[in-house]
Amino acid sequence: MNINRIDLNLLVYLDALLRERNVTQAANQLNLSQPAMSNGLRRLRDLFDDPLLVRTSEGMTPTERALELEPVVREVLTTIDRAVQPRSEFDAEHAQRVFRIMASDYAESTLLPSVLGKLRNLAPGLTLDIMTPSDVSFLDVERGKVDMVINRFDSMPQSFHQIHLWDDSFTCVLSPENPVLDDFTLDNYLQANHVWVSKTGMGVGVGVNPDDVQRLGWVDVALNKLGKKRQIRVFTRHYQAA
């Protein structure tokens, strides 16, 4: 492929099409007409020699090639956007803006008190908007709707700046009257009733298999590798409640 043939606008079109998986909605996102977006999709298909999006009973479904291109295109566009942004020094003392941060209530209670104390002195004009994990996606960060995410991730887009904040360990919290304390073995642990804190803000919900939900937890992933499963009787969205 000759790189001189590539119109960068086509990558913007492809990104919107893969996000929306609908030609009309992708066109609306970019303030284009539907025929213009359809023409862009035709040019993209010629460029990559692949249908990219095909109509199915569930709507427009990306091809295998499109799924391979999706993270690459997104990273390219993010890099270009960062490169063309005007560089300016951040003046914390006089800044007047809102910083939106995604954090669980546990991370919020752990970090926020010390952060607020420093902000009052270093950046008195800043306002923090703390958002729960269920309200935020990587897409929100890429689009600049969220400034920072505090969480544990198994993987993250390479274009994101990352820093290690602190190490923590798992702790089992239970009542002092719980009989499991008398013989705290793995089998007794698994037979006890458990409370599960949802990382996403989603619990069992309507039409969701609890067995599928359990495997979303880090503990449950480890147990699943051992061929074991614990009994989760309460699903909550907040660490404080647990």
C-alpha atoms as a PDB file:
ATOM      1  CA  MET A   1       0.000   0.000   0.000  1.00  0.00           C
ATOM      2  CA  ASN A   2       1.329   3.429  -0.974  1.00  0.00           C
ATOM      3  CA  ILE A   3       1.071   5.709   2.049  1.00  0.00           C
ATOM      4  CA  ASN A   4       0.584   8.684  -0.276  1.00  0.00           C
ATOM      5  CA  ARG A   5      -2.825   7.216  -1.157  1.00  0.00           C
ATOM      6  CA  ILE A   6      -4.062   7.487   2.417  1.00  0.00           C
ATOM      7  CA  ASP A   7      -6.413  10.335   3.222  1.00  0.00           C
ATOM      8  CA  LEU A   8      -6.183  10.781   7.008  1.00  0.00           C
ATOM      9  CA  ASN A   9      -9.841  11.777   7.062  1.00  0.00           C
ATOM     10  CA  LEU A  10     -10.632   8.208   6.071  1.00  0.00           C
ATOM     11  CA  LEU A  11      -9.060   6.994   9.320  1.00  0.00           C
ATOM     12  CA  VAL A  12     -11.334   9.377  11.208  1.00  0.00           C
ATOM     13  CA  TYR A  13     -14.293   7.926   9.308  1.00  0.00           C
ATOM     14  CA  LEU A  14     -13.182   4.369  10.085  1.00  0.00           C
ATOM     15  CA  ASP A  15     -12.793   5.181  13.774  1.00  0.00           C
ATOM     16  CA  ALA A  16     -16.316   6.610  13.918  1.00  0.00           C
ATOM     17  CA  LEU A  17     -17.772   3.676  11.975  1.00  0.00           C
ATOM     18  CA  LEU A  18     -16.161   1.128  14.293  1.00  0.00           C
ATOM     19  CA  ARG A  19     -17.363   3.006  17.370  1.00  0.00           C
ATOM     20  CA  GLU A  20     -20.944   3.458  16.199  1.00  0.00           C
ATOM     21  CA  ARG A  21     -21.248   0.428  13.868  1.00  0.00           C
ATOM     22  CA  ASN A  22     -23.869   2.407  12.054  1.00  0.00           C
ATOM     23  CA  VAL A  23     -23.290   4.623   9.002  1.00  0.00           C
ATOM     24  CA  THR A  24     -25.909   7.224   9.933  1.00  0.00           C
ATOM     25  CA  GLN A  25     -24.764   7.521  13.547  1.00  0.00           C
ATOM     26  CA  ALA A  26     -21.110   7.725  12.495  1.00  0.00           C
ATOM     27  CA  ALA A  27     -22.026  10.501  10.053  1.00  0.00           C
ATOM     28  CA  ASN A  28     -23.876  12.388  12.789  1.00  0.00           C
ATOM     29  CA  GLN A  29     -20.880  12.074  15.106  1.00  0.00           C
ATOM     30  CA  LEU A  30     -18.662  13.774  12.516  1.00  0.00           C
ATOM     31  CA  ASN A  31     -21.338  16.233  11.322  1.00  0.00           C
ATOM     32  CA  LEU A  32     -21.357  14.662   7.866  1.00  0.00           C
ATOM     33  CA  SER A  33     -24.180  13.657   5.579  1.00  0.00           C
ATOM     34  CA  GLN A  34     -25.078   9.990   5.352  1.00  0.00           C
ATOM     35  CA  PRO A  35     -24.074   9.814   1.652  1.00  0.00           C
ATOM     36  CA  ALA A  36     -20.656  11.322   2.491  1.00  0.00           C
ATOM     37  CA  MET A  37     -20.052   8.680   5.154  1.00  0.00           C
ATOM     38  CA  SER A  38     -21.221   5.915   2.800  1.00  0.00           C
ATOM     39  CA  ASN A  39     -18.764   7.187   0.202  1.00  0.00           C
ATOM     40  CA  GLY A  40     -16.041   7.197   2.857  1.00  0.00           C
ATOM     41  CA  LEU A  41     -16.832   3.581   3.735  1.00  0.00           C
ATOM     42  CA  ARG A  42     -16.611   2.631   0.049  1.00  0.00           C
ATOM     43  CA  ARG A  43     -13.172   4.274  -0.199  1.00  0.00           C
ATOM     44  CA  LEU A  44     -12.048   2.533   2.991  1.00  0.00           C
ATOM     45  CA  ARG A  45     -13.103  -0.823   1.571  1.00  0.00           C
ATOM     46  CA  ASP A  46     -11.074  -0.115  -1.560  1.00  0.00           C
ATOM     47  CA  LEU A  47      -8.094   1.038   0.492  1.00  0.00           C
ATOM     48  CA  PHE A  48      -7.955  -2.026   2.736  1.00  0.00           C
ATOM     49  CA  ASP A  49      -9.416  -4.476   0.209  1.00  0.00           C
ATOM     50  CA  ASP A  50     -11.879  -5.662   2.844  1.00  0.00           C
ATOM     51  CA  PRO A  51     -15.615  -5.104   3.524  1.00  0.00           C
ATOM     52  CA  LEU A  52     -14.715  -3.827   7.047  1.00  0.00           C
ATOM     53  CA  LEU A  53     -18.394  -3.663   8.093  1.00  0.00           C
ATOM     54  CA  VAL A  54     -21.025  -6.139   6.927  1.00  0.00           C
ATOM     55  CA  ARG A  55     -24.764  -6.140   7.477  1.00  0.00           C
ATOM     56  CA  THR A  56     -26.095  -8.865   9.767  1.00  0.00           C
ATOM     57  CA  SER A  57     -29.288  -9.441  11.710  1.00  0.00           C
ATOM     58  CA  GLU A  58     -27.648  -7.510  14.564  1.00  0.00           C
ATOM     59  CA  GLY A  59     -26.737  -4.513  12.388  1.00  0.00           C
ATOM     60  CA  MET A  60     -23.325  -3.584  11.012  1.00  0.00           C
ATOM     61  CA  THR A  61     -20.716  -6.083  12.217  1.00  0.00           C
ATOM     62  CA  PRO A  62     -16.959  -5.458  11.844  1.00  0.00           C
ATOM     63  CA  THR A  63     -14.891  -8.011   9.967  1.00  0.00           C
ATOM     64  CA  GLU A  64     -11.818  -9.652  11.452  1.00  0.00           C
ATOM     65  CA  ARG A  65      -9.641  -7.195   9.525  1.00  0.00           C
ATOM     66  CA  ALA A  66     -11.614  -4.254  10.929  1.00  0.00           C
ATOM     67  CA  LEU A  67     -11.159  -5.516  14.488  1.00  0.00           C
ATOM     68  CA  GLU A  68      -7.414  -5.748  13.855  1.00  0.00           C
ATOM     69  CA  LEU A  69      -7.358  -2.179  12.555  1.00  0.00           C
ATOM     70  CA  GLU A  70      -9.490  -0.661  15.327  1.00  0.00           C
ATOM     71  CA  PRO A  71      -6.830  -0.241  18.081  1.00  0.00           C
ATOM     72  CA  VAL A  72      -4.156   0.740  15.541  1.00  0.00           C
ATOM     73  CA  VAL A  73      -6.309   3.451  13.964  1.00  0.00           C
ATOM     74  CA  ARG A  74      -7.339   4.769  17.363  1.00  0.00           C
ATOM     75  CA  GLU A  75      -3.736   5.014  18.527  1.00  0.00           C
ATOM     76  CA  VAL A  76      -2.654   6.745  15.303  1.00  0.00           C
ATOM     77  CA  LEU A  77      -5.411   9.347  15.635  1.00  0.00           C
ATOM     78  CA  THR A  78      -4.633   9.908  19.310  1.00  0.00           C
ATOM     79  CA  THR A  79      -0.942  10.431  18.498  1.00  0.00           C
ATOM     80  CA  ILE A  80      -1.744  12.885  15.700  1.00  0.00           C
ATOM     81  CA  ASP A  81      -4.191  14.779  17.911  1.00  0.00           C
ATOM     82  CA  ARG A  82      -1.571  15.065  20.643  1.00  0.00           C
ATOM     83  CA  ALA A  83       1.063  16.237  18.162  1.00  0.00           C
ATOM     84  CA  VAL A  84      -1.020  19.110  16.779  1.00  0.00           C
ATOM     85  CA  GLN A  85      -2.273  20.373  20.128  1.00  0.00           C
ATOM     86  CA  PRO A  86      -0.687  23.713  21.119  1.00  0.00           C
ATOM     87  CA  ARG A  87       1.844  23.330  23.907  1.00  0.00           C
ATOM     88  CA  SER A  88       1.268  25.499  26.947  1.00  0.00           C
ATOM     89  CA  GLU A  89       2.560  25.439  30.484  1.00  0.00           C
ATOM     90  CA  PHE A  90       0.020  24.509  33.132  1.00  0.00           C
ATOM     91  CA  ASP A  91      -0.255  27.288  35.712  1.00  0.00           C
ATOM     92  CA  ALA A  92      -1.666  25.427  38.716  1.00  0.00           C
ATOM     93  CA  GLU A  93      -1.873  28.504  40.937  1.00  0.00           C
ATOM     94  CA  HIS A  94      -4.173  30.407  38.566  1.00  0.00           C
ATOM     95  CA  ALA A  95      -5.929  27.523  36.776  1.00  0.00           C
ATOM     96  CA  GLN A  96      -9.731  27.606  36.843  1.00  0.00           C
ATOM     97  CA  ARG A  97     -11.063  24.320  35.523  1.00  0.00           C
ATOM     98  CA  VAL A  98     -12.687  21.002  36.380  1.00  0.00           C
ATOM     99  CA  PHE A  99     -10.603  17.807  36.508  1.00  0.00           C
ATOM    100  CA  ARG A 100     -12.674  14.671  36.000  1.00  0.00           C
ATOM    101  CA  ILE A 101     -11.238  11.579  37.660  1.00  0.00           C
ATOM    102  CA  MET A 102     -12.562   8.024  37.573  1.00  0.00           C
ATOM    103  CA  ALA A 103     -11.980   6.190  40.843  1.00  0.00           C
ATOM    104  CA  SER A 104     -13.726   3.604  42.986  1.00  0.00           C
ATOM    105  CA  ASP A 105     -14.959   4.692  46.396  1.00  0.00           C
ATOM    106  CA  TYR A 106     -12.035   2.745  47.884  1.00  0.00           C
ATOM    107  CA  ALA A 107      -9.434   4.615  45.815  1.00  0.00           C
ATOM    108  CA  GLU A 108     -11.281   7.861  46.492  1.00  0.00           C
ATOM    109  CA  SER A 109     -11.220   7.413  50.266  1.00  0.00           C
ATOM    110  CA  THR A 110      -7.577   6.298  50.159  1.00  0.00           C
ATOM    111  CA  LEU A 111      -6.141   9.117  48.040  1.00  0.00           C
ATOM    112  CA  LEU A 112      -8.553  12.040  48.067  1.00  0.00           C
ATOM    113  CA  PRO A 113      -7.919  13.454  51.581  1.00  0.00           C
ATOM    114  CA  SER A 114      -4.204  14.018  50.972  1.00  0.00           C
ATOM    115  CA  VAL A 115      -4.790  15.225  47.393  1.00  0.00           C
ATOM    116  CA  LEU A 116      -7.348  17.822  48.485  1.00  0.00           C
ATOM    117  CA  GLY A 117      -5.003  19.126  51.158  1.00  0.00           C
ATOM    118  CA  LYS A 118      -2.297  19.786  48.566  1.00  0.00           C
ATOM    119  CA  LEU A 119      -4.689  21.204  45.967  1.00  0.00           C
ATOM    120  CA  ARG A 120      -5.973  23.848  48.379  1.00  0.00           C
ATOM    121  CA  ASN A 121      -2.458  25.287  48.504  1.00  0.00           C
ATOM    122  CA  LEU A 122      -1.105  24.540  45.021  1.00  0.00           C
ATOM    123  CA  ALA A 123      -4.216  24.904  42.830  1.00  0.00           C
ATOM    124  CA  PRO A 124      -7.039  26.610  44.753  1.00  0.00           C
ATOM    125  CA  GLY A 125      -9.092  27.220  41.589  1.00  0.00           C
ATOM    126  CA  LEU A 126      -9.382  23.565  40.573  1.00  0.00           C
ATOM    127  CA  THR A 127     -12.572  21.549  40.998  1.00  0.00           C
ATOM    128  CA  LEU A 128     -12.542  17.746  41.125  1.00  0.00           C
ATOM    129  CA  ASP A 129     -15.370  15.667  39.673  1.00  0.00           C
ATOM    130  CA  ILE A 130     -14.963  12.075  40.886  1.00  0.00           C
ATOM    131  CA  MET A 131     -16.743   9.555  38.660  1.00  0.00           C
ATOM    132  CA  THR A 132     -17.489   5.893  39.336  1.00  0.00           C
ATOM    133  CA  PRO A 133     -16.066   3.123  37.092  1.00  0.00           C
ATOM    134  CA  SER A 134     -19.507   2.378  35.672  1.00  0.00           C
ATOM    135  CA  ASP A 135     -19.705   5.933  34.282  1.00  0.00           C
ATOM    136  CA  VAL A 136     -16.401   5.871  32.388  1.00  0.00           C
ATOM    137  CA  SER A 137     -14.817   3.995  29.477  1.00  0.00           C
ATOM    138  CA  PHE A 138     -11.421   4.221  27.765  1.00  0.00           C
ATOM    139  CA  LEU A 139     -13.272   5.998  24.969  1.00  0.00           C
ATOM    140  CA  ASP A 140     -14.161   8.829  27.371  1.00  0.00           C
ATOM    141  CA  VAL A 141     -10.482   9.222  28.239  1.00  0.00           C
ATOM    142  CA  GLU A 142      -9.454   9.209  24.572  1.00  0.00           C
ATOM    143  CA  ARG A 143     -12.022  11.904  23.797  1.00  0.00           C
ATOM    144  CA  GLY A 144     -10.887  14.070  26.702  1.00  0.00           C
ATOM    145  CA  LYS A 145     -14.114  13.731  28.683  1.00  0.00           C
ATOM    146  CA  VAL A 146     -12.127  12.246  31.587  1.00  0.00           C
ATOM    147  CA  ASP A 147      -8.671  13.451  32.639  1.00  0.00           C
ATOM    148  CA  MET A 148      -7.488  10.609  34.860  1.00  0.00           C
ATOM    149  CA  VAL A 149      -8.381   7.034  35.752  1.00  0.00           C
ATOM    150  CA  ILE A 150      -7.324   5.426  39.035  1.00  0.00           C
ATOM    151  CA  ASN A 151      -7.811   1.679  38.975  1.00  0.00           C
ATOM    152  CA  ARG A 152      -6.146  -1.671  38.417  1.00  0.00           C
ATOM    153  CA  PHE A 153      -6.100  -2.766  34.775  1.00  0.00           C
ATOM    154  CA  ASP A 154      -4.927  -5.978  33.157  1.00  0.00           C
ATOM    155  CA  SER A 155      -4.302  -4.044  29.938  1.00  0.00           C
ATOM    156  CA  MET A 156      -4.506  -0.472  28.702  1.00  0.00           C
ATOM    157  CA  PRO A 157      -4.042   1.348  25.365  1.00  0.00           C
ATOM    158  CA  GLN A 158      -0.352   2.022  24.734  1.00  0.00           C
ATOM    159  CA  SER A 159      -1.090   5.682  24.032  1.00  0.00           C
ATOM    160  CA  PHE A 160      -2.143   6.232  27.664  1.00  0.00           C
ATOM    161  CA  HIS A 161       0.370   7.673  30.121  1.00  0.00           C
ATOM    162  CA  GLN A 162       0.564   5.414  33.178  1.00  0.00           C
ATOM    163  CA  ILE A 163       2.135   5.632  36.618  1.00  0.00           C
ATOM    164  CA  HIS A 164       2.232   3.171  39.508  1.00  0.00           C
ATOM    165  CA  LEU A 165       0.582   4.717  42.581  1.00  0.00           C
ATOM    166  CA  TRP A 166       0.704   2.116  45.317  1.00  0.00           C
ATOM    167  CA  ASP A 167       0.739  -1.595  46.117  1.00  0.00           C
ATOM    168  CA  ASP A 168      -2.093  -3.225  47.980  1.00  0.00           C
ATOM    169  CA  SER A 169      -3.027  -6.726  49.040  1.00  0.00           C
ATOM    170  CA  PHE A 170      -6.247  -8.651  49.407  1.00  0.00           C
ATOM    171  CA  THR A 171      -7.873  -8.853  52.812  1.00  0.00           C
ATOM    172  CA  CYS A 172     -10.754 -11.052  53.866  1.00  0.00           C
ATOM    173  CA  VAL A 173     -13.210  -9.081  56.010  1.00  0.00           C
ATOM    174  CA  LEU A 174     -15.647 -11.056  58.166  1.00  0.00           C
ATOM    175  CA  SER A 175     -17.471 -10.934  61.452  1.00  0.00           C
ATOM    176  CA  PRO A 176     -15.491 -11.992  64.559  1.00  0.00           C
ATOM    177  CA  GLU A 177     -18.330 -14.449  65.266  1.00  0.00           C
ATOM    178  CA  ASN A 178     -17.961 -16.148  61.889  1.00  0.00           C
ATOM    179  CA  PRO A 179     -17.216 -19.868  62.478  1.00  0.00           C
ATOM    180  CA  VAL A 180     -14.848 -19.871  59.485  1.00  0.00           C
ATOM    181  CA  LEU A 181     -12.279 -18.219  61.772  1.00  0.00           C
ATOM    182  CA  ASP A 182     -11.975 -21.442  63.771  1.00  0.00           C
ATOM    183  CA  ASP A 183     -10.693 -23.340  60.730  1.00  0.00           C
ATOM    184  CA  PHE A 184      -9.834 -20.929  57.921  1.00  0.00           C
ATOM    185  CA  THR A 185      -9.227 -23.377  55.080  1.00  0.00           C
ATOM    186  CA  LEU A 186      -9.911 -22.887  51.391  1.00  0.00           C
ATOM    187  CA  ASP A 187     -12.844 -25.311  51.493  1.00  0.00           C
ATOM    188  CA  ASN A 188     -14.466 -23.492  54.413  1.00  0.00           C
ATOM    189  CA  TYR A 189     -13.800 -20.160  52.705  1.00  0.00           C
ATOM    190  CA  LEU A 190     -15.584 -21.357  49.570  1.00  0.00           C
ATOM    191  CA  GLN A 191     -18.585 -22.655  51.519  1.00  0.00           C
ATOM    192  CA  ALA A 192     -19.124 -19.324  53.296  1.00  0.00           C
ATOM    193  CA  ASN A 193     -21.453 -16.657  51.891  1.00  0.00           C
ATOM    194  CA  HIS A 194     -19.568 -13.833  50.167  1.00  0.00           C
ATOM    195  CA  VAL A 195     -20.120 -10.167  49.315  1.00  0.00           C
ATOM    196  CA  TRP A 196     -18.807  -9.119  45.898  1.00  0.00           C
ATOM    197  CA  VAL A 197     -17.928  -5.532  44.957  1.00  0.00           C
ATOM    198  CA  SER A 198     -18.531  -4.837  41.283  1.00  0.00           C
ATOM    199  CA  LYS A 199     -15.695  -3.034  39.490  1.00  0.00           C
ATOM    200  CA  THR A 200     -18.032  -1.938  36.713  1.00  0.00           C
ATOM    201  CA  GLY A 201     -21.025  -0.885  38.759  1.00  0.00           C
ATOM    202  CA  MET A 202     -22.992  -3.800  37.324  1.00  0.00           C
ATOM    203  CA  GLY A 203     -24.245  -6.580  39.549  1.00  0.00           C
ATOM    204  CA  VAL A 204     -26.344  -9.617  38.710  1.00  0.00           C
ATOM    205  CA  GLY A 205     -29.028  -7.551  37.015  1.00  0.00           C
ATOM    206  CA  VAL A 206     -31.902  -8.769  34.894  1.00  0.00           C
ATOM    207  CA  GLY A 207     -31.011 -11.575  32.521  1.00  0.00           C
ATOM    208  CA  VAL A 208     -27.426 -11.953  33.761  1.00  0.00           C
ATOM    209  CA  ASN A 209     -26.101 -15.320  34.861  1.00  0.00           C
ATOM    210  CA  PRO A 210     -24.473 -14.929  38.325  1.00  0.00           C
ATOM    211  CA  ASP A 211     -21.935 -17.609  37.393  1.00  0.00           C
ATOM    212  CA  ASP A 212     -20.708 -15.384  34.558  1.00  0.00           C
ATOM    213  CA  VAL A 213     -20.553 -12.355  36.831  1.00  0.00           C
ATOM    214  CA  GLN A 214     -18.485 -14.192  39.428  1.00  0.00           C
ATOM    215  CA  ARG A 215     -15.678 -14.839  36.977  1.00  0.00           C
ATOM    216  CA  LEU A 216     -15.282 -11.094  36.469  1.00  0.00           C
ATOM    217  CA  GLY A 217     -13.664 -10.708  39.899  1.00  0.00           C
ATOM    218  CA  TRP A 218      -9.907 -11.121  40.377  1.00  0.00           C
ATOM    219  CA  VAL A 219     -10.453 -13.625  43.182  1.00  0.00           C
ATOM    220  CA  ASP A 220     -12.923 -15.532  41.057  1.00  0.00           C
ATOM    221  CA  VAL A 221     -10.565 -15.653  38.091  1.00  0.00           C
ATOM    222  CA  ALA A 222      -7.937 -17.272  40.333  1.00  0.00           C
ATOM    223  CA  LEU A 223     -10.487 -19.700  41.763  1.00  0.00           C
ATOM    224  CA  ASN A 224     -11.733 -20.571  38.297  1.00  0.00           C
ATOM    225  CA  LYS A 225      -8.200 -21.627  37.312  1.00  0.00           C
ATOM    226  CA  LEU A 226      -8.315 -24.055  40.241  1.00  0.00           C
ATOM    227  CA  GLY A 227     -11.690 -25.346  39.127  1.00  0.00           C
ATOM    228  CA  LYS A 228     -13.376 -23.846  42.187  1.00  0.00           C
ATOM    229  CA  LYS A 229     -16.119 -21.313  42.824  1.00  0.00           C
ATOM    230  CA  ARG A 230     -17.250 -19.372  45.886  1.00  0.00           C
ATOM    231  CA  GLN A 231     -20.832 -18.582  46.930  1.00  0.00           C
ATOM    232  CA  ILE A 232     -21.614 -14.911  46.316  1.00  0.00           C
ATOM    233  CA  ARG A 233     -24.867 -13.912  48.002  1.00  0.00           C
ATOM    234  CA  VAL A 234     -24.610 -10.101  47.891  1.00  0.00           C
ATOM    235  CA  PHE A 235     -23.553  -7.970  44.926  1.00  0.00           C
ATOM    236  CA  THR A 236     -22.773  -4.336  45.733  1.00  0.00           C
ATOM    237  CA  ARG A 237     -21.286  -1.385  43.884  1.00  0.00           C
ATOM    238  CA  HIS A 238     -19.430   0.135  46.840  1.00  0.00           C
ATOM    239  CA  TYR A 239     -16.484  -0.991  48.948  1.00  0.00           C
ATOM    240  CA  GLN A 240     -17.802   0.958  51.938  1.00  0.00           C
ATOM    241  CA  ALA A 241     -20.992  -1.093  51.913  1.00  0.00           C
ATOM    242  CA  ALA A 242     -19.011  -4.329  51.878  1.00  0.00           C
END
